[in-house]
Amino acid sequence: MEYPFDRVGPEDFKRKLENGELSDSLIIDVREPYEWEYYRWDELVLMPMNSIPERLGELPKDKPIYVVCAHGVRSANVSYYLKQQGFDQVVNVDGGMAALAALRGFQYD
């Protein structure tokens, strides 16, 4: 399947984050607040999926936006939506927070 946005696997995302390669990027977590409270990474900005349309003005068009959710489905939908809205540098984090948490030894589900 062809995606209109870029994708990154959880291992590459974690490595880039830890190496400082994402310091010029915005990383948004599109899960709900209760999911954020359950497990989160401080480098991510909470922006629930349903709030994205009204918060488009907060998003930069001149730098990469990485999108994370629980398993990668909502973030893929948000990534697609952002591309439709003219954001060129959108990257979906495949596997979402469940995959990222597993890399840190946390059982998300």
PDB file of N, CA and C in Angstrom:
ATOM      1  N   MET A   1       0.843  -1.196   0.000  1.00  0.00           N
ATOM      2  CA  MET A   1       0.000   0.000   0.000  1.00  0.00           C
ATOM      3  C   MET A   1       0.881   1.250   0.000  1.00  0.00           C
ATOM      4  N   GLU A   2       0.518   2.207  -0.800  1.00  0.00           N
ATOM      5  CA  GLU A   2       1.242   3.468  -0.896  1.00  0.00           C
ATOM      6  C   GLU A   2       0.662   4.472   0.100  1.00  0.00           C
ATOM      7  N   TYR A   3       1.533   5.111   0.866  1.00  0.00           N
ATOM      8  CA  TYR A   3       1.098   6.114   1.837  1.00  0.00           C
ATOM      9  C   TYR A   3       1.527   7.499   1.354  1.00  0.00           C
ATOM     10  N   PRO A   4       0.683   8.510   1.537  1.00  0.00           N
ATOM     11  CA  PRO A   4       1.049   9.862   1.104  1.00  0.00           C
ATOM     12  C   PRO A   4       1.940  10.594   2.115  1.00  0.00           C
ATOM     13  N   PHE A   5       2.323   9.909   3.178  1.00  0.00           N
ATOM     14  CA  PHE A   5       3.168  10.501   4.214  1.00  0.00           C
ATOM     15  C   PHE A   5       4.335   9.550   4.470  1.00  0.00           C
ATOM     16  N   ASP A   6       5.359  10.072   5.128  1.00  0.00           N
ATOM     17  CA  ASP A   6       6.510   9.248   5.483  1.00  0.00           C
ATOM     18  C   ASP A   6       6.191   8.404   6.707  1.00  0.00           C
ATOM     19  N   ARG A   7       6.972   7.344   6.878  1.00  0.00           N
ATOM     20  CA  ARG A   7       6.783   6.452   8.024  1.00  0.00           C
ATOM     21  C   ARG A   7       8.139   6.124   8.621  1.00  0.00           C
ATOM     22  N   VAL A   8       8.136   5.878   9.925  1.00  0.00           N
ATOM     23  CA  VAL A   8       9.350   5.459  10.616  1.00  0.00           C
ATOM     24  C   VAL A   8       8.972   4.337  11.572  1.00  0.00           C
ATOM     25  N   GLY A   9       9.825   3.350  11.672  1.00  0.00           N
ATOM     26  CA  GLY A   9       9.596   2.257  12.615  1.00  0.00           C
ATOM     27  C   GLY A   9       9.943   2.691  14.030  1.00  0.00           C
ATOM     28  N   PRO A  10       9.454   1.974  15.020  1.00  0.00           N
ATOM     29  CA  PRO A  10       9.692   2.369  16.411  1.00  0.00           C
ATOM     30  C   PRO A  10      11.172   2.376  16.801  1.00  0.00           C
ATOM     31  N   GLU A  11      11.947   1.415  16.305  1.00  0.00           N
ATOM     32  CA  GLU A  11      13.369   1.371  16.651  1.00  0.00           C
ATOM     33  C   GLU A  11      14.098   2.601  16.117  1.00  0.00           C
ATOM     34  N   ASP A  12      13.828   2.951  14.845  1.00  0.00           N
ATOM     35  CA  ASP A  12      14.474   4.123  14.254  1.00  0.00           C
ATOM     36  C   ASP A  12      14.024   5.407  14.937  1.00  0.00           C
ATOM     37  N   PHE A  13      12.746   5.489  15.269  1.00  0.00           N
ATOM     38  CA  PHE A  13      12.236   6.675  15.961  1.00  0.00           C
ATOM     39  C   PHE A  13      12.934   6.845  17.308  1.00  0.00           C
ATOM     40  N   LYS A  14      13.006   5.783  18.086  1.00  0.00           N
ATOM     41  CA  LYS A  14      13.648   5.837  19.409  1.00  0.00           C
ATOM     42  C   LYS A  14      15.113   6.242  19.282  1.00  0.00           C
ATOM     43  N   ARG A  15      15.821   5.658  18.320  1.00  0.00           N
ATOM     44  CA  ARG A  15      17.227   5.991  18.111  1.00  0.00           C
ATOM     45  C   ARG A  15      17.391   7.462  17.734  1.00  0.00           C
ATOM     46  N   LYS A  16      16.568   7.939  16.809  1.00  0.00           N
ATOM     47  CA  LYS A  16      16.650   9.336  16.396  1.00  0.00           C
ATOM     48  C   LYS A  16      16.345  10.279  17.554  1.00  0.00           C
ATOM     49  N   LEU A  17      15.366   9.918  18.359  1.00  0.00           N
ATOM     50  CA  LEU A  17      15.000  10.745  19.502  1.00  0.00           C
ATOM     51  C   LEU A  17      16.150  10.800  20.506  1.00  0.00           C
ATOM     52  N   GLU A  18      16.720   9.647  20.806  1.00  0.00           N
ATOM     53  CA  GLU A  18      17.809   9.587  21.788  1.00  0.00           C
ATOM     54  C   GLU A  18      19.081  10.250  21.286  1.00  0.00           C
ATOM     55  N   ASN A  19      19.295  10.261  19.967  1.00  0.00           N
ATOM     56  CA  ASN A  19      20.497  10.878  19.387  1.00  0.00           C
ATOM     57  C   ASN A  19      20.330  12.365  19.119  1.00  0.00           C
ATOM     58  N   GLY A  20      19.163  12.906  19.440  1.00  0.00           N
ATOM     59  CA  GLY A  20      18.926  14.329  19.224  1.00  0.00           C
ATOM     60  C   GLY A  20      18.607  14.700  17.787  1.00  0.00           C
ATOM     61  N   GLU A  21      18.359  13.691  16.936  1.00  0.00           N
ATOM     62  CA  GLU A  21      18.080  13.965  15.531  1.00  0.00           C
ATOM     63  C   GLU A  21      16.696  14.572  15.303  1.00  0.00           C
ATOM     64  N   LEU A  22      15.843  14.549  16.314  1.00  0.00           N
ATOM     65  CA  LEU A  22      14.487  15.084  16.173  1.00  0.00           C
ATOM     66  C   LEU A  22      14.313  16.424  16.889  1.00  0.00           C
ATOM     67  N   SER A  23      15.417  17.040  17.277  1.00  0.00           N
ATOM     68  CA  SER A  23      15.325  18.284  18.052  1.00  0.00           C
ATOM     69  C   SER A  23      14.660  19.415  17.259  1.00  0.00           C
ATOM     70  N   ASP A  24      14.707  19.359  15.939  1.00  0.00           N
ATOM     71  CA  ASP A  24      14.060  20.378  15.111  1.00  0.00           C
ATOM     72  C   ASP A  24      12.666  19.963  14.671  1.00  0.00           C
ATOM     73  N   SER A  25      12.155  18.900  15.251  1.00  0.00           N
ATOM     74  CA  SER A  25      10.840  18.369  14.863  1.00  0.00           C
ATOM     75  C   SER A  25       9.828  18.582  15.980  1.00  0.00           C
ATOM     76  N   LEU A  26       8.562  18.566  15.603  1.00  0.00           N
ATOM     77  CA  LEU A  26       7.477  18.528  16.578  1.00  0.00           C
ATOM     78  C   LEU A  26       6.969  17.094  16.598  1.00  0.00           C
ATOM     79  N   ILE A  27       6.834  16.528  17.786  1.00  0.00           N
ATOM     80  CA  ILE A  27       6.336  15.161  17.928  1.00  0.00           C
ATOM     81  C   ILE A  27       5.020  15.239  18.687  1.00  0.00           C
ATOM     82  N   ILE A  28       3.930  14.889  18.006  1.00  0.00           N
ATOM     83  CA  ILE A  28       2.619  14.971  18.644  1.00  0.00           C
ATOM     84  C   ILE A  28       2.080  13.574  18.934  1.00  0.00           C
ATOM     85  N   ASP A  29       1.440  13.462  20.067  1.00  0.00           N
ATOM     86  CA  ASP A  29       0.784  12.232  20.517  1.00  0.00           C
ATOM     87  C   ASP A  29      -0.708  12.482  20.389  1.00  0.00           C
ATOM     88  N   VAL A  30      -1.366  11.749  19.501  1.00  0.00           N
ATOM     89  CA  VAL A  30      -2.772  12.009  19.219  1.00  0.00           C
ATOM     90  C   VAL A  30      -3.721  11.117  20.022  1.00  0.00           C
ATOM     91  N   ARG A  31      -3.185  10.482  21.075  1.00  0.00           N
ATOM     92  CA  ARG A  31      -4.047   9.674  21.942  1.00  0.00           C
ATOM     93  C   ARG A  31      -4.887  10.591  22.833  1.00  0.00           C
ATOM     94  N   GLU A  32      -5.780   9.977  23.577  1.00  0.00           N
ATOM     95  CA  GLU A  32      -6.632  10.713  24.504  1.00  0.00           C
ATOM     96  C   GLU A  32      -5.872  10.963  25.818  1.00  0.00           C
ATOM     97  N   PRO A  33      -6.316  11.962  26.606  1.00  0.00           N
ATOM     98  CA  PRO A  33      -5.616  12.273  27.855  1.00  0.00           C
ATOM     99  C   PRO A  33      -5.463  11.080  28.808  1.00  0.00           C
ATOM    100  N   TYR A  34      -6.474  10.214  28.902  1.00  0.00           N
ATOM    101  CA  TYR A  34      -6.344   9.070  29.815  1.00  0.00           C
ATOM    102  C   TYR A  34      -5.257   8.105  29.330  1.00  0.00           C
ATOM    103  N   GLU A  35      -5.069   8.011  28.021  1.00  0.00           N
ATOM    104  CA  GLU A  35      -4.000   7.168  27.482  1.00  0.00           C
ATOM    105  C   GLU A  35      -2.643   7.795  27.766  1.00  0.00           C
ATOM    106  N   TRP A  36      -2.571   9.097  27.648  1.00  0.00           N
ATOM    107  CA  TRP A  36      -1.357   9.877  27.945  1.00  0.00           C
ATOM    108  C   TRP A  36      -0.951   9.682  29.401  1.00  0.00           C
ATOM    109  N   GLU A  37      -1.932   9.718  30.291  1.00  0.00           N
ATOM    110  CA  GLU A  37      -1.641   9.529  31.715  1.00  0.00           C
ATOM    111  C   GLU A  37      -1.160   8.115  32.021  1.00  0.00           C
ATOM    112  N   TYR A  38      -1.654   7.146  31.282  1.00  0.00           N
ATOM    113  CA  TYR A  38      -1.258   5.757  31.481  1.00  0.00           C
ATOM    114  C   TYR A  38       0.218   5.536  31.144  1.00  0.00           C
ATOM    115  N   TYR A  39       0.655   6.093  30.008  1.00  0.00           N
ATOM    116  CA  TYR A  39       2.056   5.949  29.587  1.00  0.00           C
ATOM    117  C   TYR A  39       2.386   7.046  28.588  1.00  0.00           C
ATOM    118  N   ARG A  40       3.474   7.751  28.849  1.00  0.00           N
ATOM    119  CA  ARG A  40       3.866   8.828  27.941  1.00  0.00           C
ATOM    120  C   ARG A  40       5.374   9.008  27.933  1.00  0.00           C
ATOM    121  N   TRP A  41       5.829   9.673  26.889  1.00  0.00           N
ATOM    122  CA  TRP A  41       7.222  10.107  26.780  1.00  0.00           C
ATOM    123  C   TRP A  41       7.197  11.625  26.843  1.00  0.00           C
ATOM    124  N   ASP A  42       8.026  12.196  27.668  1.00  0.00           N
ATOM    125  CA  ASP A  42       8.004  13.639  27.888  1.00  0.00           C
ATOM    126  C   ASP A  42       8.312  14.459  26.635  1.00  0.00           C
ATOM    127  N   GLU A  43       8.985  13.870  25.657  1.00  0.00           N
ATOM    128  CA  GLU A  43       9.340  14.598  24.444  1.00  0.00           C
ATOM    129  C   GLU A  43       8.149  14.825  23.519  1.00  0.00           C
ATOM    130  N   LEU A  44       7.051  14.146  23.765  1.00  0.00           N
ATOM    131  CA  LEU A  44       5.872  14.234  22.909  1.00  0.00           C
ATOM    132  C   LEU A  44       4.892  15.270  23.451  1.00  0.00           C
ATOM    133  N   VAL A  45       4.175  15.907  22.541  1.00  0.00           N
ATOM    134  CA  VAL A  45       3.169  16.908  22.895  1.00  0.00           C
ATOM    135  C   VAL A  45       1.792  16.283  22.698  1.00  0.00           C
ATOM    136  N   LEU A  46       0.985  16.289  23.743  1.00  0.00           N
ATOM    137  CA  LEU A  46      -0.366  15.734  23.649  1.00  0.00           C
ATOM    138  C   LEU A  46      -1.250  16.640  22.802  1.00  0.00           C
ATOM    139  N   MET A  47      -1.847  16.054  21.780  1.00  0.00           N
ATOM    140  CA  MET A  47      -2.773  16.765  20.900  1.00  0.00           C
ATOM    141  C   MET A  47      -3.772  15.723  20.402  1.00  0.00           C
ATOM    142  N   PRO A  48      -4.807  15.427  21.203  1.00  0.00           N
ATOM    143  CA  PRO A  48      -5.756  14.372  20.827  1.00  0.00           C
ATOM    144  C   PRO A  48      -6.273  14.524  19.392  1.00  0.00           C
ATOM    145  N   MET A  49      -6.483  13.395  18.768  1.00  0.00           N
ATOM    146  CA  MET A  49      -6.875  13.349  17.361  1.00  0.00           C
ATOM    147  C   MET A  49      -8.024  14.294  17.032  1.00  0.00           C
ATOM    148  N   ASN A  50      -9.063  14.300  17.834  1.00  0.00           N
ATOM    149  CA  ASN A  50     -10.240  15.127  17.537  1.00  0.00           C
ATOM    150  C   ASN A  50      -9.971  16.621  17.655  1.00  0.00           C
ATOM    151  N   SER A  51      -8.861  17.001  18.299  1.00  0.00           N
ATOM    152  CA  SER A  51      -8.545  18.418  18.445  1.00  0.00           C
ATOM    153  C   SER A  51      -7.693  18.953  17.297  1.00  0.00           C
ATOM    154  N   ILE A  52      -7.201  18.075  16.444  1.00  0.00           N
ATOM    155  CA  ILE A  52      -6.274  18.492  15.387  1.00  0.00           C
ATOM    156  C   ILE A  52      -6.869  19.569  14.469  1.00  0.00           C
ATOM    157  N   PRO A  53      -8.086  19.413  13.948  1.00  0.00           N
ATOM    158  CA  PRO A  53      -8.594  20.448  13.031  1.00  0.00           C
ATOM    159  C   PRO A  53      -8.596  21.858  13.626  1.00  0.00           C
ATOM    160  N   GLU A  54      -8.961  21.982  14.893  1.00  0.00           N
ATOM    161  CA  GLU A  54      -9.011  23.316  15.506  1.00  0.00           C
ATOM    162  C   GLU A  54      -7.637  23.811  15.946  1.00  0.00           C
ATOM    163  N   ARG A  55      -6.628  22.922  15.944  1.00  0.00           N
ATOM    164  CA  ARG A  55      -5.286  23.306  16.407  1.00  0.00           C
ATOM    165  C   ARG A  55      -4.265  23.365  15.270  1.00  0.00           C
ATOM    166  N   LEU A  56      -4.730  23.347  14.025  1.00  0.00           N
ATOM    167  CA  LEU A  56      -3.806  23.368  12.894  1.00  0.00           C
ATOM    168  C   LEU A  56      -2.856  24.562  12.950  1.00  0.00           C
ATOM    169  N   GLY A  57      -3.321  25.684  13.453  1.00  0.00           N
ATOM    170  CA  GLY A  57      -2.491  26.878  13.539  1.00  0.00           C
ATOM    171  C   GLY A  57      -1.312  26.737  14.484  1.00  0.00           C
ATOM    172  N   GLU A  58      -1.350  25.759  15.366  1.00  0.00           N
ATOM    173  CA  GLU A  58      -0.244  25.514  16.295  1.00  0.00           C
ATOM    174  C   GLU A  58       0.859  24.663  15.669  1.00  0.00           C
ATOM    175  N   LEU A  59       0.581  24.092  14.505  1.00  0.00           N
ATOM    176  CA  LEU A  59       1.516  23.175  13.880  1.00  0.00           C
ATOM    177  C   LEU A  59       2.393  23.894  12.864  1.00  0.00           C
ATOM    178  N   PRO A  60       3.686  23.605  12.886  1.00  0.00           N
ATOM    179  CA  PRO A  60       4.600  24.263  11.949  1.00  0.00           C
ATOM    180  C   PRO A  60       4.559  23.612  10.565  1.00  0.00           C
ATOM    181  N   LYS A  61       4.613  24.441   9.556  1.00  0.00           N
ATOM    182  CA  LYS A  61       4.687  23.902   8.191  1.00  0.00           C
ATOM    183  C   LYS A  61       6.128  23.835   7.709  1.00  0.00           C
ATOM    184  N   ASP A  62       7.052  24.380   8.496  1.00  0.00           N
ATOM    185  CA  ASP A  62       8.446  24.457   8.070  1.00  0.00           C
ATOM    186  C   ASP A  62       9.374  23.458   8.765  1.00  0.00           C
ATOM    187  N   LYS A  63       8.806  22.516   9.500  1.00  0.00           N
ATOM    188  CA  LYS A  63       9.644  21.483  10.100  1.00  0.00           C
ATOM    189  C   LYS A  63       8.864  20.180  10.211  1.00  0.00           C
ATOM    190  N   PRO A  64       9.578  19.064  10.371  1.00  0.00           N
ATOM    191  CA  PRO A  64       8.901  17.765  10.428  1.00  0.00           C
ATOM    192  C   PRO A  64       7.956  17.645  11.625  1.00  0.00           C
ATOM    193  N   ILE A  65       6.848  16.969  11.369  1.00  0.00           N
ATOM    194  CA  ILE A  65       5.889  16.637  12.424  1.00  0.00           C
ATOM    195  C   ILE A  65       5.798  15.116  12.481  1.00  0.00           C
ATOM    196  N   TYR A  66       6.190  14.551  13.611  1.00  0.00           N
ATOM    197  CA  TYR A  66       6.059  13.118  13.844  1.00  0.00           C
ATOM    198  C   TYR A  66       4.763  12.891  14.606  1.00  0.00           C
ATOM    199  N   VAL A  67       4.004  11.867  14.206  1.00  0.00           N
ATOM    200  CA  VAL A  67       2.692  11.620  14.786  1.00  0.00           C
ATOM    201  C   VAL A  67       2.675  10.220  15.398  1.00  0.00           C
ATOM    202  N   VAL A  68       2.277  10.163  16.678  1.00  0.00           N
ATOM    203  CA  VAL A  68       2.248   8.917  17.444  1.00  0.00           C
ATOM    204  C   VAL A  68       0.860   8.729  18.035  1.00  0.00           C
ATOM    205  N   CYS A  69       0.392   7.476  18.101  1.00  0.00           N
ATOM    206  CA  CYS A  69      -0.834   7.135  18.830  1.00  0.00           C
ATOM    207  C   CYS A  69      -0.555   5.833  19.585  1.00  0.00           C
ATOM    208  N   ALA A  70      -1.574   5.079  19.898  1.00  0.00           N
ATOM    209  CA  ALA A  70      -1.377   3.844  20.659  1.00  0.00           C
ATOM    210  C   ALA A  70      -0.762   2.731  19.825  1.00  0.00           C
ATOM    211  N   HIS A  71      -1.274   2.524  18.609  1.00  0.00           N
ATOM    212  CA  HIS A  71      -0.814   1.410  17.784  1.00  0.00           C
ATOM    213  C   HIS A  71      -0.468   1.809  16.349  1.00  0.00           C
ATOM    214  N   GLY A  72      -0.656   3.052  15.979  1.00  0.00           N
ATOM    215  CA  GLY A  72      -0.297   3.519  14.650  1.00  0.00           C
ATOM    216  C   GLY A  72      -1.453   3.770  13.706  1.00  0.00           C
ATOM    217  N   VAL A  73      -2.675   3.465  14.123  1.00  0.00           N
ATOM    218  CA  VAL A  73      -3.827   3.647  13.235  1.00  0.00           C
ATOM    219  C   VAL A  73      -4.315   5.101  13.257  1.00  0.00           C
ATOM    220  N   ARG A  74      -4.582   5.620  14.438  1.00  0.00           N
ATOM    221  CA  ARG A  74      -5.029   7.025  14.524  1.00  0.00           C
ATOM    222  C   ARG A  74      -3.958   7.964  13.987  1.00  0.00           C
ATOM    223  N   SER A  75      -2.708   7.678  14.307  1.00  0.00           N
ATOM    224  CA  SER A  75      -1.633   8.549  13.823  1.00  0.00           C
ATOM    225  C   SER A  75      -1.539   8.516  12.304  1.00  0.00           C
ATOM    226  N   ALA A  76      -1.798   7.361  11.692  1.00  0.00           N
ATOM    227  CA  ALA A  76      -1.812   7.287  10.225  1.00  0.00           C
ATOM    228  C   ALA A  76      -2.941   8.144   9.664  1.00  0.00           C
ATOM    229  N   ASN A  77      -4.094   8.109  10.299  1.00  0.00           N
ATOM    230  CA  ASN A  77      -5.218   8.948   9.863  1.00  0.00           C
ATOM    231  C   ASN A  77      -4.894  10.425  10.009  1.00  0.00           C
ATOM    232  N   VAL A  78      -4.284  10.794  11.122  1.00  0.00           N
ATOM    233  CA  VAL A  78      -3.901  12.197  11.333  1.00  0.00           C
ATOM    234  C   VAL A  78      -2.815  12.596  10.334  1.00  0.00           C
ATOM    235  N   SER A  79      -1.864  11.718  10.093  1.00  0.00           N
ATOM    236  CA  SER A  79      -0.805  12.013   9.117  1.00  0.00           C
ATOM    237  C   SER A  79      -1.410  12.271   7.740  1.00  0.00           C
ATOM    238  N   TYR A  80      -2.349  11.449   7.340  1.00  0.00           N
ATOM    239  CA  TYR A  80      -3.032  11.623   6.059  1.00  0.00           C
ATOM    240  C   TYR A  80      -3.760  12.975   6.024  1.00  0.00           C
ATOM    241  N   TYR A  81      -4.471  13.293   7.086  1.00  0.00           N
ATOM    242  CA  TYR A  81      -5.208  14.553   7.183  1.00  0.00           C
ATOM    243  C   TYR A  81      -4.250  15.753   7.089  1.00  0.00           C
ATOM    244  N   LEU A  82      -3.137  15.678   7.807  1.00  0.00           N
ATOM    245  CA  LEU A  82      -2.178  16.787   7.784  1.00  0.00           C
ATOM    246  C   LEU A  82      -1.604  16.992   6.381  1.00  0.00           C
ATOM    247  N   LYS A  83      -1.332  15.907   5.686  1.00  0.00           N
ATOM    248  CA  LYS A  83      -0.849  16.037   4.313  1.00  0.00           C
ATOM    249  C   LYS A  83      -1.897  16.737   3.439  1.00  0.00           C
ATOM    250  N   GLN A  84      -3.176  16.396   3.642  1.00  0.00           N
ATOM    251  CA  GLN A  84      -4.254  17.045   2.882  1.00  0.00           C
ATOM    252  C   GLN A  84      -4.340  18.529   3.199  1.00  0.00           C
ATOM    253  N   GLN A  85      -3.922  18.920   4.388  1.00  0.00           N
ATOM    254  CA  GLN A  85      -3.991  20.313   4.815  1.00  0.00           C
ATOM    255  C   GLN A  85      -2.737  21.110   4.435  1.00  0.00           C
ATOM    256  N   GLY A  86      -1.832  20.495   3.700  1.00  0.00           N
ATOM    257  CA  GLY A  86      -0.667  21.214   3.209  1.00  0.00           C
ATOM    258  C   GLY A  86       0.601  21.075   4.026  1.00  0.00           C
ATOM    259  N   PHE A  87       0.614  20.175   4.981  1.00  0.00           N
ATOM    260  CA  PHE A  87       1.833  19.922   5.750  1.00  0.00           C
ATOM    261  C   PHE A  87       2.661  18.885   4.980  1.00  0.00           C
ATOM    262  N   ASP A  88       3.855  19.290   4.556  1.00  0.00           N
ATOM    263  CA  ASP A  88       4.655  18.432   3.684  1.00  0.00           C
ATOM    264  C   ASP A  88       5.530  17.437   4.438  1.00  0.00           C
ATOM    265  N   GLN A  89       5.953  17.788   5.638  1.00  0.00           N
ATOM    266  CA  GLN A  89       6.915  16.976   6.374  1.00  0.00           C
ATOM    267  C   GLN A  89       6.226  16.213   7.519  1.00  0.00           C
ATOM    268  N   VAL A  90       5.403  15.251   7.158  1.00  0.00           N
ATOM    269  CA  VAL A  90       4.637  14.478   8.141  1.00  0.00           C
ATOM    270  C   VAL A  90       5.181  13.049   8.178  1.00  0.00           C
ATOM    271  N   VAL A  91       5.434  12.553   9.391  1.00  0.00           N
ATOM    272  CA  VAL A  91       5.987  11.214   9.561  1.00  0.00           C
ATOM    273  C   VAL A  91       5.152  10.457  10.586  1.00  0.00           C
ATOM    274  N   ASN A  92       4.590   9.334  10.174  1.00  0.00           N
ATOM    275  CA  ASN A  92       3.837   8.472  11.086  1.00  0.00           C
ATOM    276  C   ASN A  92       4.802   7.507  11.772  1.00  0.00           C
ATOM    277  N   VAL A  93       4.634   7.332  13.086  1.00  0.00           N
ATOM    278  CA  VAL A  93       5.444   6.367  13.837  1.00  0.00           C
ATOM    279  C   VAL A  93       4.687   5.048  13.854  1.00  0.00           C
ATOM    280  N   ASP A  94       5.150   4.112  13.040  1.00  0.00           N
ATOM    281  CA  ASP A  94       4.501   2.804  12.931  1.00  0.00           C
ATOM    282  C   ASP A  94       4.547   2.053  14.259  1.00  0.00           C
ATOM    283  N   GLY A  95       3.458   1.389  14.575  1.00  0.00           N
ATOM    284  CA  GLY A  95       3.390   0.603  15.806  1.00  0.00           C
ATOM    285  C   GLY A  95       2.984   1.401  17.022  1.00  0.00           C
ATOM    286  N   GLY A  96       3.099   2.719  16.939  1.00  0.00           N
ATOM    287  CA  GLY A  96       2.644   3.605  17.998  1.00  0.00           C
ATOM    288  C   GLY A  96       3.320   3.408  19.340  1.00  0.00           C
ATOM    289  N   MET A  97       2.644   3.906  20.354  1.00  0.00           N
ATOM    290  CA  MET A  97       3.189   3.892  21.705  1.00  0.00           C
ATOM    291  C   MET A  97       3.370   2.480  22.243  1.00  0.00           C
ATOM    292  N   ALA A  98       2.545   1.537  21.805  1.00  0.00           N
ATOM    293  CA  ALA A  98       2.708   0.149  22.255  1.00  0.00           C
ATOM    294  C   ALA A  98       4.074  -0.380  21.844  1.00  0.00           C
ATOM    295  N   ALA A  99       4.463  -0.132  20.595  1.00  0.00           N
ATOM    296  CA  ALA A  99       5.770  -0.588  20.116  1.00  0.00           C
ATOM    297  C   ALA A  99       6.901   0.182  20.787  1.00  0.00           C
ATOM    298  N   LEU A 100       6.724   1.472  20.977  1.00  0.00           N
ATOM    299  CA  LEU A 100       7.754   2.274  21.629  1.00  0.00           C
ATOM    300  C   LEU A 100       7.932   1.861  23.088  1.00  0.00           C
ATOM    301  N   ALA A 101       6.826   1.618  23.780  1.00  0.00           N
ATOM    302  CA  ALA A 101       6.894   1.201  25.181  1.00  0.00           C
ATOM    303  C   ALA A 101       7.620  -0.129  25.312  1.00  0.00           C
ATOM    304  N   ALA A 102       7.360  -1.032  24.386  1.00  0.00           N
ATOM    305  CA  ALA A 102       8.014  -2.346  24.428  1.00  0.00           C
ATOM    306  C   ALA A 102       9.527  -2.200  24.326  1.00  0.00           C
ATOM    307  N   LEU A 103       9.992  -1.219  23.574  1.00  0.00           N
ATOM    308  CA  LEU A 103      11.432  -0.989  23.455  1.00  0.00           C
ATOM    309  C   LEU A 103      12.049  -0.546  24.776  1.00  0.00           C
ATOM    310  N   ARG A 104      11.233   0.001  25.643  1.00  0.00           N
ATOM    311  CA  ARG A 104      11.693   0.413  26.980  1.00  0.00           C
ATOM    312  C   ARG A 104      11.284  -0.588  28.060  1.00  0.00           C
ATOM    313  N   GLY A 105      10.803  -1.752  27.629  1.00  0.00           N
ATOM    314  CA  GLY A 105      10.471  -2.804  28.575  1.00  0.00           C
ATOM    315  C   GLY A 105       9.144  -2.650  29.276  1.00  0.00           C
ATOM    316  N   PHE A 106       8.257  -1.831  28.725  1.00  0.00           N
ATOM    317  CA  PHE A 106       6.953  -1.611  29.335  1.00  0.00           C
ATOM    318  C   PHE A 106       5.892  -2.305  28.511  1.00  0.00           C
ATOM    319  N   GLN A 107       5.076  -3.120  29.138  1.00  0.00           N
ATOM    320  CA  GLN A 107       3.964  -3.785  28.450  1.00  0.00           C
ATOM    321  C   GLN A 107       2.796  -2.816  28.402  1.00  0.00           C
ATOM    322  N   TYR A 108       2.535  -2.236  27.226  1.00  0.00           N
ATOM    323  CA  TYR A 108       1.532  -1.192  27.085  1.00  0.00           C
ATOM    324  C   TYR A 108       0.115  -1.731  27.199  1.00  0.00           C
ATOM    325  N   ASP A 109      -0.178  -2.831  26.547  1.00  0.00           N
ATOM    326  CA  ASP A 109      -1.549  -3.363  26.528  1.00  0.00           C
ATOM    327  C   ASP A 109      -1.812  -4.314  27.661  1.00  0.00           C
TER     328      ASP A 109
END
